[in-house]
């Protein structure tokens, strides 16, 4: 667990708004290369909070880029199983 972030699998994280100030793309600042929206599914894979980008859209925040890849891999796997 990263100091001050709480449990990374806490299902309340889709409702915890913490904007990350700084320069550069929001997807980089929130360790979210796919710019995924916050959700209960993202929380199960390590989302720790979310931020708000242009026009009120939300972006999930992960503790690292690697944690963000896990839900993407799970979605691909689930989609492939539907095709078989």
PDB file of N, CA and C in Angstrom:
ATOM      1  N   UNK A   1       0.845  -1.183   0.000  1.00  0.00           N
ATOM      2  CA  UNK A   1       0.000   0.000   0.000  1.00  0.00           C
ATOM      3  C   UNK A   1       0.889   1.245   0.000  1.00  0.00           C
ATOM      4  N   UNK A   2       0.548   2.195  -0.846  1.00  0.00           N
ATOM      5  CA  UNK A   2       1.279   3.450  -0.918  1.00  0.00           C
ATOM      6  C   UNK A   2       0.808   4.353   0.215  1.00  0.00           C
ATOM      7  N   UNK A   3       1.727   4.999   0.901  1.00  0.00           N
ATOM      8  CA  UNK A   3       1.381   5.838   2.048  1.00  0.00           C
ATOM      9  C   UNK A   3       0.347   6.899   1.669  1.00  0.00           C
ATOM     10  N   UNK A   4      -0.719   6.976   2.426  1.00  0.00           N
ATOM     11  CA  UNK A   4      -1.720   8.019   2.245  1.00  0.00           C
ATOM     12  C   UNK A   4      -2.761   7.738   1.182  1.00  0.00           C
ATOM     13  N   UNK A   5      -2.726   6.579   0.533  1.00  0.00           N
ATOM     14  CA  UNK A   5      -3.701   6.324  -0.522  1.00  0.00           C
ATOM     15  C   UNK A   5      -4.833   5.417  -0.083  1.00  0.00           C
ATOM     16  N   UNK A   6      -4.698   4.721   1.009  1.00  0.00           N
ATOM     17  CA  UNK A   6      -5.709   3.764   1.419  1.00  0.00           C
ATOM     18  C   UNK A   6      -5.547   2.463   0.658  1.00  0.00           C
ATOM     19  N   UNK A   7      -6.460   1.525   0.892  1.00  0.00           N
ATOM     20  CA  UNK A   7      -6.379   0.244   0.202  1.00  0.00           C
ATOM     21  C   UNK A   7      -6.663   0.447  -1.283  1.00  0.00           C
ATOM     22  N   UNK A   8      -5.833  -0.116  -2.134  1.00  0.00           N
ATOM     23  CA  UNK A   8      -6.019   0.081  -3.569  1.00  0.00           C
ATOM     24  C   UNK A   8      -7.160  -0.747  -4.134  1.00  0.00           C
ATOM     25  N   UNK A   9      -7.723  -1.669  -3.380  1.00  0.00           N
ATOM     26  CA  UNK A   9      -8.868  -2.437  -3.852  1.00  0.00           C
ATOM     27  C   UNK A   9     -10.153  -2.035  -3.141  1.00  0.00           C
ATOM     28  N   UNK A  10     -10.151  -0.902  -2.478  1.00  0.00           N
ATOM     29  CA  UNK A  10     -11.322  -0.393  -1.777  1.00  0.00           C
ATOM     30  C   UNK A  10     -12.381   0.000  -2.808  1.00  0.00           C
ATOM     31  N   UNK A  11     -13.568  -0.593  -2.742  1.00  0.00           N
ATOM     32  CA  UNK A  11     -14.614  -0.323  -3.725  1.00  0.00           C
ATOM     33  C   UNK A  11     -15.214   1.070  -3.614  1.00  0.00           C
ATOM     34  N   UNK A  12     -14.806   1.870  -2.603  1.00  0.00           N
ATOM     35  CA  UNK A  12     -15.292   3.254  -2.513  1.00  0.00           C
ATOM     36  C   UNK A  12     -14.473   4.200  -3.389  1.00  0.00           C
ATOM     37  N   UNK A  13     -13.401   3.716  -4.005  1.00  0.00           N
ATOM     38  CA  UNK A  13     -12.534   4.614  -4.777  1.00  0.00           C
ATOM     39  C   UNK A  13     -13.208   5.273  -5.974  1.00  0.00           C
ATOM     40  N   UNK A  14     -14.264   4.690  -6.596  1.00  0.00           N
ATOM     41  CA  UNK A  14     -14.915   5.415  -7.689  1.00  0.00           C
ATOM     42  C   UNK A  14     -15.564   6.722  -7.247  1.00  0.00           C
ATOM     43  N   UNK A  15     -15.740   6.923  -5.945  1.00  0.00           N
ATOM     44  CA  UNK A  15     -16.364   8.150  -5.447  1.00  0.00           C
ATOM     45  C   UNK A  15     -15.366   9.075  -4.757  1.00  0.00           C
ATOM     46  N   UNK A  16     -14.063   8.749  -4.803  1.00  0.00           N
ATOM     47  CA  UNK A  16     -13.031   9.553  -4.138  1.00  0.00           C
ATOM     48  C   UNK A  16     -12.309  10.396  -5.190  1.00  0.00           C
ATOM     49  N   UNK A  17     -12.587  11.701  -5.201  1.00  0.00           N
ATOM     50  CA  UNK A  17     -11.989  12.601  -6.191  1.00  0.00           C
ATOM     51  C   UNK A  17     -10.723  13.250  -5.630  1.00  0.00           C
ATOM     52  N   UNK A  18      -9.596  12.981  -6.286  1.00  0.00           N
ATOM     53  CA  UNK A  18      -8.326  13.602  -5.918  1.00  0.00           C
ATOM     54  C   UNK A  18      -7.628  13.990  -7.218  1.00  0.00           C
ATOM     55  N   UNK A  19      -7.634  15.266  -7.540  1.00  0.00           N
ATOM     56  CA  UNK A  19      -6.949  15.724  -8.749  1.00  0.00           C
ATOM     57  C   UNK A  19      -5.451  15.788  -8.498  1.00  0.00           C
ATOM     58  N   UNK A  20      -4.684  15.443  -9.509  1.00  0.00           N
ATOM     59  CA  UNK A  20      -3.224  15.461  -9.421  1.00  0.00           C
ATOM     60  C   UNK A  20      -2.721  16.659 -10.224  1.00  0.00           C
ATOM     61  N   UNK A  21      -2.196  17.692  -9.553  1.00  0.00           N
ATOM     62  CA  UNK A  21      -1.724  18.868 -10.274  1.00  0.00           C
ATOM     63  C   UNK A  21      -0.425  18.583 -11.028  1.00  0.00           C
ATOM     64  N   UNK A  22      -0.128  19.427 -11.975  1.00  0.00           N
ATOM     65  CA  UNK A  22       1.131  19.297 -12.694  1.00  0.00           C
ATOM     66  C   UNK A  22       0.953  19.454 -14.181  1.00  0.00           C
ATOM     67  N   UNK A  23       2.060  19.357 -14.881  1.00  0.00           N
ATOM     68  CA  UNK A  23       2.056  19.460 -16.331  1.00  0.00           C
ATOM     69  C   UNK A  23       1.972  18.066 -16.944  1.00  0.00           C
ATOM     70  N   UNK A  24       1.652  18.019 -18.180  1.00  0.00           N
ATOM     71  CA  UNK A  24       1.580  16.743 -18.880  1.00  0.00           C
ATOM     72  C   UNK A  24       0.166  16.202 -18.930  1.00  0.00           C
ATOM     73  N   UNK A  25      -0.028  15.180 -19.714  1.00  0.00           N
ATOM     74  CA  UNK A  25      -1.370  14.604 -19.875  1.00  0.00           C
ATOM     75  C   UNK A  25      -1.924  14.038 -18.574  1.00  0.00           C
ATOM     76  N   UNK A  26      -3.220  14.182 -18.394  1.00  0.00           N
ATOM     77  CA  UNK A  26      -3.878  13.634 -17.200  1.00  0.00           C
ATOM     78  C   UNK A  26      -3.682  12.123 -17.120  1.00  0.00           C
ATOM     79  N   UNK A  27      -3.659  11.449 -18.267  1.00  0.00           N
ATOM     80  CA  UNK A  27      -3.494   9.993 -18.238  1.00  0.00           C
ATOM     81  C   UNK A  27      -2.156   9.604 -17.618  1.00  0.00           C
ATOM     82  N   UNK A  28      -1.127  10.413 -17.812  1.00  0.00           N
ATOM     83  CA  UNK A  28       0.188  10.133 -17.207  1.00  0.00           C
ATOM     84  C   UNK A  28       0.175  10.471 -15.719  1.00  0.00           C
ATOM     85  N   UNK A  29      -0.431  11.611 -15.369  1.00  0.00           N
ATOM     86  CA  UNK A  29      -0.459  12.028 -13.964  1.00  0.00           C
ATOM     87  C   UNK A  29      -1.283  11.080 -13.099  1.00  0.00           C
ATOM     88  N   UNK A  30      -2.260  10.415 -13.694  1.00  0.00           N
ATOM     89  CA  UNK A  30      -3.115   9.491 -12.948  1.00  0.00           C
ATOM     90  C   UNK A  30      -2.717   8.033 -13.181  1.00  0.00           C
ATOM     91  N   UNK A  31      -1.552   7.811 -13.800  1.00  0.00           N
ATOM     92  CA  UNK A  31      -1.063   6.449 -14.084  1.00  0.00           C
ATOM     93  C   UNK A  31      -2.120   5.623 -14.798  1.00  0.00           C
ATOM     94  N   UNK A  32      -2.754   6.227 -15.783  1.00  0.00           N
ATOM     95  CA  UNK A  32      -3.873   5.614 -16.485  1.00  0.00           C
ATOM     96  C   UNK A  32      -3.679   5.805 -17.989  1.00  0.00           C
ATOM     97  N   UNK A  33      -2.803   5.013 -18.624  1.00  0.00           N
ATOM     98  CA  UNK A  33      -2.493   5.225 -20.036  1.00  0.00           C
ATOM     99  C   UNK A  33      -3.689   5.078 -20.964  1.00  0.00           C
ATOM    100  N   UNK A  34      -4.722   4.358 -20.571  1.00  0.00           N
ATOM    101  CA  UNK A  34      -5.913   4.208 -21.403  1.00  0.00           C
ATOM    102  C   UNK A  34      -7.005   5.213 -21.075  1.00  0.00           C
ATOM    103  N   UNK A  35      -6.750   6.108 -20.128  1.00  0.00           N
ATOM    104  CA  UNK A  35      -7.713   7.131 -19.700  1.00  0.00           C
ATOM    105  C   UNK A  35      -9.062   6.516 -19.321  1.00  0.00           C
ATOM    106  N   UNK A  36      -9.023   5.422 -18.603  1.00  0.00           N
ATOM    107  CA  UNK A  36     -10.229   4.698 -18.194  1.00  0.00           C
ATOM    108  C   UNK A  36     -11.045   5.505 -17.194  1.00  0.00           C
ATOM    109  N   UNK A  37     -12.369   5.430 -17.309  1.00  0.00           N
ATOM    110  CA  UNK A  37     -13.268   6.062 -16.350  1.00  0.00           C
ATOM    111  C   UNK A  37     -13.225   5.303 -15.018  1.00  0.00           C
ATOM    112  N   UNK A  38     -13.483   5.972 -13.907  1.00  0.00           N
ATOM    113  CA  UNK A  38     -13.559   5.281 -12.614  1.00  0.00           C
ATOM    114  C   UNK A  38     -14.793   4.380 -12.578  1.00  0.00           C
ATOM    115  N   UNK A  39     -14.658   3.239 -11.937  1.00  0.00           N
ATOM    116  CA  UNK A  39     -15.778   2.297 -11.840  1.00  0.00           C
ATOM    117  C   UNK A  39     -15.476   1.269 -10.756  1.00  0.00           C
ATOM    118  N   UNK A  40     -16.494   0.497 -10.394  1.00  0.00           N
ATOM    119  CA  UNK A  40     -16.291  -0.579  -9.424  1.00  0.00           C
ATOM    120  C   UNK A  40     -15.325  -1.612  -9.988  1.00  0.00           C
ATOM    121  N   UNK A  41     -15.407  -1.871 -11.289  1.00  0.00           N
ATOM    122  CA  UNK A  41     -14.481  -2.824 -11.921  1.00  0.00           C
ATOM    123  C   UNK A  41     -13.042  -2.319 -11.821  1.00  0.00           C
ATOM    124  N   UNK A  42     -12.831  -1.038 -12.104  1.00  0.00           N
ATOM    125  CA  UNK A  42     -11.483  -0.469 -11.999  1.00  0.00           C
ATOM    126  C   UNK A  42     -10.980  -0.527 -10.562  1.00  0.00           C
ATOM    127  N   UNK A  43     -11.878  -0.329  -9.586  1.00  0.00           N
ATOM    128  CA  UNK A  43     -11.491  -0.396  -8.171  1.00  0.00           C
ATOM    129  C   UNK A  43     -11.008  -1.788  -7.806  1.00  0.00           C
ATOM    130  N   UNK A  44     -11.647  -2.815  -8.351  1.00  0.00           N
ATOM    131  CA  UNK A  44     -11.213  -4.189  -8.065  1.00  0.00           C
ATOM    132  C   UNK A  44      -9.806  -4.451  -8.591  1.00  0.00           C
ATOM    133  N   UNK A  45      -9.383  -3.678  -9.589  1.00  0.00           N
ATOM    134  CA  UNK A  45      -8.059  -3.862 -10.175  1.00  0.00           C
ATOM    135  C   UNK A  45      -7.051  -2.833  -9.685  1.00  0.00           C
ATOM    136  N   UNK A  46      -7.388  -2.044  -8.665  1.00  0.00           N
ATOM    137  CA  UNK A  46      -6.399  -1.179  -8.053  1.00  0.00           C
ATOM    138  C   UNK A  46      -6.611   0.311  -8.169  1.00  0.00           C
ATOM    139  N   UNK A  47      -7.741   0.764  -8.702  1.00  0.00           N
ATOM    140  CA  UNK A  47      -8.002   2.200  -8.753  1.00  0.00           C
ATOM    141  C   UNK A  47      -7.960   2.766  -7.347  1.00  0.00           C
ATOM    142  N   UNK A  48      -7.295   3.912  -7.160  1.00  0.00           N
ATOM    143  CA  UNK A  48      -7.199   4.491  -5.815  1.00  0.00           C
ATOM    144  C   UNK A  48      -8.017   5.773  -5.662  1.00  0.00           C
ATOM    145  N   UNK A  49      -8.398   6.401  -6.772  1.00  0.00           N
ATOM    146  CA  UNK A  49      -9.239   7.601  -6.747  1.00  0.00           C
ATOM    147  C   UNK A  49      -9.534   7.970  -8.195  1.00  0.00           C
ATOM    148  N   UNK A  50     -10.059   9.180  -8.401  1.00  0.00           N
ATOM    149  CA  UNK A  50     -10.255   9.658  -9.767  1.00  0.00           C
ATOM    150  C   UNK A  50     -10.022  11.159  -9.813  1.00  0.00           C
ATOM    151  N   UNK A  51      -9.847  11.685 -11.009  1.00  0.00           N
ATOM    152  CA  UNK A  51      -9.715  13.118 -11.232  1.00  0.00           C
ATOM    153  C   UNK A  51     -10.755  13.553 -12.252  1.00  0.00           C
ATOM    154  N   UNK A  52     -10.893  14.850 -12.430  1.00  0.00           N
ATOM    155  CA  UNK A  52     -11.845  15.391 -13.395  1.00  0.00           C
ATOM    156  C   UNK A  52     -11.072  16.123 -14.476  1.00  0.00           C
ATOM    157  N   UNK A  53     -11.356  15.751 -15.727  1.00  0.00           N
ATOM    158  CA  UNK A  53     -10.693  16.396 -16.869  1.00  0.00           C
ATOM    159  C   UNK A  53     -11.715  17.262 -17.592  1.00  0.00           C
ATOM    160  N   UNK A  54     -11.418  17.708 -18.783  1.00  0.00           N
ATOM    161  CA  UNK A  54     -12.276  18.620 -19.529  1.00  0.00           C
ATOM    162  C   UNK A  54     -13.728  18.185 -19.643  1.00  0.00           C
ATOM    163  N   UNK A  55     -14.636  19.158 -19.606  1.00  0.00           N
ATOM    164  CA  UNK A  55     -16.073  18.951 -19.744  1.00  0.00           C
ATOM    165  C   UNK A  55     -16.649  18.029 -18.671  1.00  0.00           C
ATOM    166  N   UNK A  56     -15.986  17.939 -17.524  1.00  0.00           N
ATOM    167  CA  UNK A  56     -16.491  17.169 -16.409  1.00  0.00           C
ATOM    168  C   UNK A  56     -16.264  15.669 -16.505  1.00  0.00           C
ATOM    169  N   UNK A  57     -15.536  15.212 -17.511  1.00  0.00           N
ATOM    170  CA  UNK A  57     -15.251  13.780 -17.624  1.00  0.00           C
ATOM    171  C   UNK A  57     -14.296  13.350 -16.514  1.00  0.00           C
ATOM    172  N   UNK A  58     -14.485  12.130 -16.042  1.00  0.00           N
ATOM    173  CA  UNK A  58     -13.652  11.605 -14.961  1.00  0.00           C
ATOM    174  C   UNK A  58     -12.585  10.676 -15.522  1.00  0.00           C
ATOM    175  N   UNK A  59     -11.478  10.554 -14.775  1.00  0.00           N
ATOM    176  CA  UNK A  59     -10.402   9.645 -15.145  1.00  0.00           C
ATOM    177  C   UNK A  59      -9.953   8.906 -13.879  1.00  0.00           C
ATOM    178  N   UNK A  60      -9.918   7.592 -13.967  1.00  0.00           N
ATOM    179  CA  UNK A  60      -9.497   6.784 -12.821  1.00  0.00           C
ATOM    180  C   UNK A  60      -8.017   6.991 -12.542  1.00  0.00           C
ATOM    181  N   UNK A  61      -7.647   6.924 -11.270  1.00  0.00           N
ATOM    182  CA  UNK A  61      -6.243   7.061 -10.872  1.00  0.00           C
ATOM    183  C   UNK A  61      -5.771   5.725 -10.307  1.00  0.00           C
ATOM    184  N   UNK A  62      -4.618   5.276 -10.789  1.00  0.00           N
ATOM    185  CA  UNK A  62      -4.024   4.020 -10.346  1.00  0.00           C
ATOM    186  C   UNK A  62      -2.673   4.307  -9.698  1.00  0.00           C
ATOM    187  N   UNK A  63      -2.195   3.427  -8.797  1.00  0.00           N
ATOM    188  CA  UNK A  63      -0.911   3.667  -8.142  1.00  0.00           C
ATOM    189  C   UNK A  63       0.277   3.530  -9.087  1.00  0.00           C
ATOM    190  N   UNK A  64       0.099   2.820 -10.210  1.00  0.00           N
ATOM    191  CA  UNK A  64       1.179   2.682 -11.195  1.00  0.00           C
ATOM    192  C   UNK A  64       0.573   2.313 -12.544  1.00  0.00           C
ATOM    193  N   UNK A  65       1.344   2.512 -13.625  1.00  0.00           N
ATOM    194  CA  UNK A  65       0.870   2.125 -14.958  1.00  0.00           C
ATOM    195  C   UNK A  65       0.601   0.625 -15.029  1.00  0.00           C
ATOM    196  N   UNK A  66       1.398  -0.171 -14.330  1.00  0.00           N
ATOM    197  CA  UNK A  66       1.229  -1.615 -14.382  1.00  0.00           C
ATOM    198  C   UNK A  66      -0.113  -2.045 -13.811  1.00  0.00           C
ATOM    199  N   UNK A  67      -0.580  -1.379 -12.756  1.00  0.00           N
ATOM    200  CA  UNK A  67      -1.883  -1.722 -12.177  1.00  0.00           C
ATOM    201  C   UNK A  67      -3.003  -1.438 -13.171  1.00  0.00           C
ATOM    202  N   UNK A  68      -2.829  -0.429 -14.004  1.00  0.00           N
ATOM    203  CA  UNK A  68      -3.855  -0.083 -14.993  1.00  0.00           C
ATOM    204  C   UNK A  68      -3.955  -1.148 -16.084  1.00  0.00           C
ATOM    205  N   UNK A  69      -2.879  -1.861 -16.362  1.00  0.00           N
ATOM    206  CA  UNK A  69      -2.895  -2.858 -17.424  1.00  0.00           C
ATOM    207  C   UNK A  69      -3.704  -4.094 -17.037  1.00  0.00           C
ATOM    208  N   UNK A  70      -3.840  -4.379 -15.763  1.00  0.00           N
ATOM    209  CA  UNK A  70      -4.575  -5.570 -15.323  1.00  0.00           C
ATOM    210  C   UNK A  70      -6.039  -5.555 -15.753  1.00  0.00           C
ATOM    211  N   UNK A  71      -6.794  -4.451 -15.563  1.00  0.00           N
ATOM    212  CA  UNK A  71      -8.191  -4.485 -16.015  1.00  0.00           C
ATOM    213  C   UNK A  71      -8.304  -4.579 -17.530  1.00  0.00           C
ATOM    214  N   UNK A  72      -7.379  -3.977 -18.241  1.00  0.00           N
ATOM    215  CA  UNK A  72      -7.406  -4.069 -19.705  1.00  0.00           C
ATOM    216  C   UNK A  72      -7.218  -5.514 -20.145  1.00  0.00           C
ATOM    217  N   UNK A  73      -6.287  -6.212 -19.525  1.00  0.00           N
ATOM    218  CA  UNK A  73      -6.043  -7.614 -19.856  1.00  0.00           C
ATOM    219  C   UNK A  73      -7.264  -8.469 -19.509  1.00  0.00           C
ATOM    220  N   UNK A  74      -7.919  -8.181 -18.400  1.00  0.00           N
ATOM    221  CA  UNK A  74      -9.111  -8.933 -18.004  1.00  0.00           C
ATOM    222  C   UNK A  74     -10.241  -8.727 -18.999  1.00  0.00           C
ATOM    223  N   UNK A  75     -10.399  -7.503 -19.506  1.00  0.00           N
ATOM    224  CA  UNK A  75     -11.448  -7.226 -20.489  1.00  0.00           C
ATOM    225  C   UNK A  75     -11.189  -7.952 -21.793  1.00  0.00           C
ATOM    226  N   UNK A  76      -9.942  -7.961 -22.235  1.00  0.00           N
ATOM    227  CA  UNK A  76      -9.591  -8.674 -23.466  1.00  0.00           C
ATOM    228  C   UNK A  76      -9.873 -10.156 -23.307  1.00  0.00           C
ATOM    229  N   UNK A  77      -9.483 -10.719 -22.175  1.00  0.00           N
ATOM    230  CA  UNK A  77      -9.705 -12.130 -21.906  1.00  0.00           C
ATOM    231  C   UNK A  77     -11.200 -12.461 -21.906  1.00  0.00           C
ATOM    232  N   UNK A  78     -12.012 -11.633 -21.263  1.00  0.00           N
ATOM    233  CA  UNK A  78     -13.462 -11.863 -21.201  1.00  0.00           C
ATOM    234  C   UNK A  78     -14.064 -11.780 -22.597  1.00  0.00           C
ATOM    235  N   UNK A  79     -13.605 -10.824 -23.396  1.00  0.00           N
ATOM    236  CA  UNK A  79     -14.112 -10.668 -24.756  1.00  0.00           C
ATOM    237  C   UNK A  79     -13.746 -11.879 -25.605  1.00  0.00           C
ATOM    238  N   UNK A  80     -12.525 -12.375 -25.465  1.00  0.00           N
ATOM    239  CA  UNK A  80     -12.090 -13.536 -26.232  1.00  0.00           C
ATOM    240  C   UNK A  80     -12.916 -14.767 -25.875  1.00  0.00           C
ATOM    241  N   UNK A  81     -13.280 -14.919 -24.606  1.00  0.00           N
ATOM    242  CA  UNK A  81     -14.085 -16.066 -24.184  1.00  0.00           C
ATOM    243  C   UNK A  81     -15.487 -16.012 -24.793  1.00  0.00           C
ATOM    244  N   UNK A  82     -16.020 -14.818 -25.012  1.00  0.00           N
ATOM    245  CA  UNK A  82     -17.341 -14.682 -25.638  1.00  0.00           C
ATOM    246  C   UNK A  82     -17.296 -15.085 -27.111  1.00  0.00           C
ATOM    247  N   UNK A  83     -16.155 -14.899 -27.744  1.00  0.00           N
ATOM    248  CA  UNK A  83     -16.017 -15.222 -29.162  1.00  0.00           C
ATOM    249  C   UNK A  83     -15.874 -16.702 -29.435  1.00  0.00           C
ATOM    250  N   UNK A  84     -15.474 -17.457 -28.408  1.00  0.00           N
ATOM    251  CA  UNK A  84     -15.229 -18.892 -28.614  1.00  0.00           C
ATOM    252  C   UNK A  84     -16.515 -19.677 -28.498  1.00  0.00           C
TER     253      UNK A  84
END
